[in-house]
């Protein structure tokens, strides 16, 4: 007699695969960002001037 399918195990395998793919993609993005920063192509923006909501409107 055949065993019944273990749906929980199958779902866990699918979820592990998705998580591994997501982590690999994020790792590639992080490496690309590190390369750009090392090359000086991605300077960090000055967020103090842009996000200052207490400053009066100049228009």
N, C-alpha and C. Protein backbone atom coordinates (compact mmCIF):
# COMPACT_ATOMS: atom_id res chain seq x y z
N UNK A 1 0.84 -1.17 0.00
CA UNK A 1 0.00 0.00 0.00
C UNK A 1 0.89 1.25 0.00
N UNK A 2 0.56 2.22 -0.80
CA UNK A 2 1.35 3.44 -0.94
C UNK A 2 1.08 4.38 0.23
N UNK A 3 2.09 5.14 0.56
CA UNK A 3 1.93 6.11 1.64
C UNK A 3 1.17 7.34 1.13
N UNK A 4 0.42 7.96 2.02
CA UNK A 4 -0.27 9.20 1.62
C UNK A 4 0.75 10.34 1.48
N UNK A 5 0.48 11.29 0.62
CA UNK A 5 1.42 12.40 0.44
C UNK A 5 1.52 13.26 1.70
N UNK A 6 2.72 13.71 1.98
CA UNK A 6 2.96 14.57 3.13
C UNK A 6 3.00 16.01 2.62
N UNK A 7 1.85 16.65 2.61
CA UNK A 7 1.73 17.98 2.04
C UNK A 7 2.55 19.01 2.81
N UNK A 8 2.66 18.85 4.11
CA UNK A 8 3.44 19.78 4.92
C UNK A 8 4.91 19.74 4.53
N UNK A 9 5.43 18.55 4.29
CA UNK A 9 6.83 18.41 3.89
C UNK A 9 7.05 19.01 2.51
N UNK A 10 6.12 18.78 1.60
CA UNK A 10 6.25 19.34 0.26
C UNK A 10 6.23 20.86 0.30
N UNK A 11 5.34 21.43 1.10
CA UNK A 11 5.23 22.89 1.24
C UNK A 11 6.53 23.46 1.83
N UNK A 12 7.08 22.76 2.82
CA UNK A 12 8.33 23.21 3.45
C UNK A 12 9.48 23.22 2.44
N UNK A 13 9.53 22.21 1.58
CA UNK A 13 10.57 22.16 0.55
C UNK A 13 10.44 23.34 -0.42
N UNK A 14 9.21 23.64 -0.82
CA UNK A 14 8.98 24.77 -1.73
C UNK A 14 9.39 26.07 -1.05
N UNK A 15 9.01 26.23 0.21
CA UNK A 15 9.35 27.45 0.94
C UNK A 15 10.86 27.61 1.12
N UNK A 16 11.57 26.50 1.38
CA UNK A 16 13.03 26.57 1.51
C UNK A 16 13.66 27.00 0.20
N UNK A 17 13.14 26.50 -0.90
CA UNK A 17 13.66 26.87 -2.21
C UNK A 17 13.44 28.35 -2.50
N UNK A 18 12.26 28.84 -2.18
CA UNK A 18 11.95 30.26 -2.39
C UNK A 18 12.86 31.14 -1.54
N UNK A 19 13.05 30.76 -0.28
CA UNK A 19 13.88 31.55 0.62
C UNK A 19 15.33 31.55 0.15
N UNK A 20 15.83 30.42 -0.32
CA UNK A 20 17.20 30.35 -0.81
C UNK A 20 17.38 31.24 -2.04
N UNK A 21 16.41 31.23 -2.92
CA UNK A 21 16.47 32.07 -4.12
C UNK A 21 16.44 33.55 -3.74
N UNK A 22 15.58 33.90 -2.79
CA UNK A 22 15.47 35.29 -2.35
C UNK A 22 16.78 35.76 -1.71
N UNK A 23 17.40 34.90 -0.88
CA UNK A 23 18.66 35.26 -0.23
C UNK A 23 19.79 35.41 -1.25
N UNK A 24 19.82 34.55 -2.26
CA UNK A 24 20.85 34.65 -3.29
C UNK A 24 20.70 35.94 -4.07
N UNK A 25 19.48 36.31 -4.39
CA UNK A 25 19.23 37.54 -5.13
C UNK A 25 19.64 38.76 -4.30
N UNK A 26 19.33 38.74 -3.00
CA UNK A 26 19.70 39.85 -2.12
C UNK A 26 21.22 39.94 -1.98
N UNK A 27 21.89 38.80 -1.93
CA UNK A 27 23.35 38.77 -1.83
C UNK A 27 23.97 39.40 -3.08
N UNK A 28 23.41 39.09 -4.26
CA UNK A 28 23.91 39.68 -5.50
C UNK A 28 23.71 41.19 -5.50
N UNK A 29 22.56 41.65 -5.02
CA UNK A 29 22.30 43.09 -4.95
C UNK A 29 23.29 43.77 -4.01
N UNK A 30 23.53 43.15 -2.85
CA UNK A 30 24.46 43.73 -1.88
C UNK A 30 25.87 43.82 -2.46
N UNK A 31 26.28 42.78 -3.20
CA UNK A 31 27.60 42.80 -3.82
C UNK A 31 27.69 43.90 -4.87
N UNK A 32 26.63 44.09 -5.64
CA UNK A 32 26.63 45.14 -6.65
C UNK A 32 26.71 46.52 -6.01
N UNK A 33 26.01 46.71 -4.90
CA UNK A 33 26.06 47.98 -4.18
C UNK A 33 27.46 48.21 -3.63
N UNK A 34 28.06 47.18 -3.09
CA UNK A 34 29.41 47.31 -2.54
C UNK A 34 30.41 47.68 -3.64
N UNK A 35 30.25 47.09 -4.82
CA UNK A 35 31.14 47.42 -5.93
C UNK A 35 30.97 48.87 -6.36
N UNK A 36 29.71 49.34 -6.43
CA UNK A 36 29.47 50.72 -6.83
C UNK A 36 30.04 51.70 -5.82
N UNK A 37 29.85 51.39 -4.53
CA UNK A 37 30.37 52.27 -3.49
C UNK A 37 31.90 52.28 -3.51
N UNK A 38 32.51 51.14 -3.75
CA UNK A 38 33.97 51.06 -3.80
C UNK A 38 34.51 51.85 -4.99
N UNK A 39 33.76 51.89 -6.08
CA UNK A 39 34.19 52.61 -7.27
C UNK A 39 33.83 54.09 -7.17
N UNK A 40 33.04 54.47 -6.17
CA UNK A 40 32.67 55.87 -6.00
C UNK A 40 31.53 56.31 -6.88
N UNK A 41 30.79 55.39 -7.43
CA UNK A 41 29.68 55.74 -8.31
C UNK A 41 28.39 55.97 -7.56
N UNK A 42 28.31 55.55 -6.32
CA UNK A 42 27.06 55.65 -5.57
C UNK A 42 27.28 56.46 -4.30
N UNK A 43 27.47 57.77 -4.43
CA UNK A 43 27.66 58.57 -3.21
C UNK A 43 26.36 58.63 -2.42
N UNK A 44 26.50 58.66 -1.12
CA UNK A 44 25.31 58.71 -0.27
C UNK A 44 24.72 60.12 -0.32
N UNK A 45 23.42 60.23 -0.56
CA UNK A 45 22.81 61.56 -0.65
C UNK A 45 22.75 62.23 0.71
N UNK A 46 22.76 63.56 0.73
CA UNK A 46 22.63 64.32 1.95
C UNK A 46 21.17 64.33 2.34
N UNK A 47 20.80 63.50 3.30
CA UNK A 47 19.39 63.35 3.68
C UNK A 47 18.94 64.42 4.64
N UNK A 48 19.86 65.12 5.30
CA UNK A 48 19.47 66.15 6.26
C UNK A 48 18.75 67.30 5.57
N UNK A 49 19.23 67.74 4.43
CA UNK A 49 18.62 68.86 3.73
C UNK A 49 17.30 68.47 3.08
N UNK A 50 17.20 67.25 2.61
CA UNK A 50 16.00 66.83 1.89
C UNK A 50 14.85 66.46 2.82
N UNK A 51 15.16 65.89 3.97
CA UNK A 51 14.10 65.38 4.82
C UNK A 51 13.77 66.31 5.97
N UNK A 52 14.25 67.53 5.95
CA UNK A 52 13.99 68.46 7.02
C UNK A 52 12.58 69.04 6.85
N UNK A 53 11.63 68.54 7.61
CA UNK A 53 10.24 68.96 7.48
C UNK A 53 9.95 70.17 8.34
N UNK A 54 10.84 70.53 9.28
CA UNK A 54 10.63 71.68 10.12
C UNK A 54 11.00 72.99 9.44
N UNK A 55 11.71 72.93 8.33
CA UNK A 55 12.13 74.13 7.63
C UNK A 55 10.92 74.78 6.95
N UNK A 56 10.87 76.12 6.96
CA UNK A 56 9.75 76.79 6.30
C UNK A 56 9.85 76.67 4.78
N UNK A 57 8.71 76.73 4.12
CA UNK A 57 8.70 76.66 2.66
C UNK A 57 9.27 77.95 2.09
N UNK A 58 10.10 77.84 1.07
CA UNK A 58 10.74 79.01 0.49
C UNK A 58 10.01 79.49 -0.75
N UNK A 59 8.89 78.93 -1.08
CA UNK A 59 8.20 79.34 -2.30
C UNK A 59 7.10 80.32 -2.04
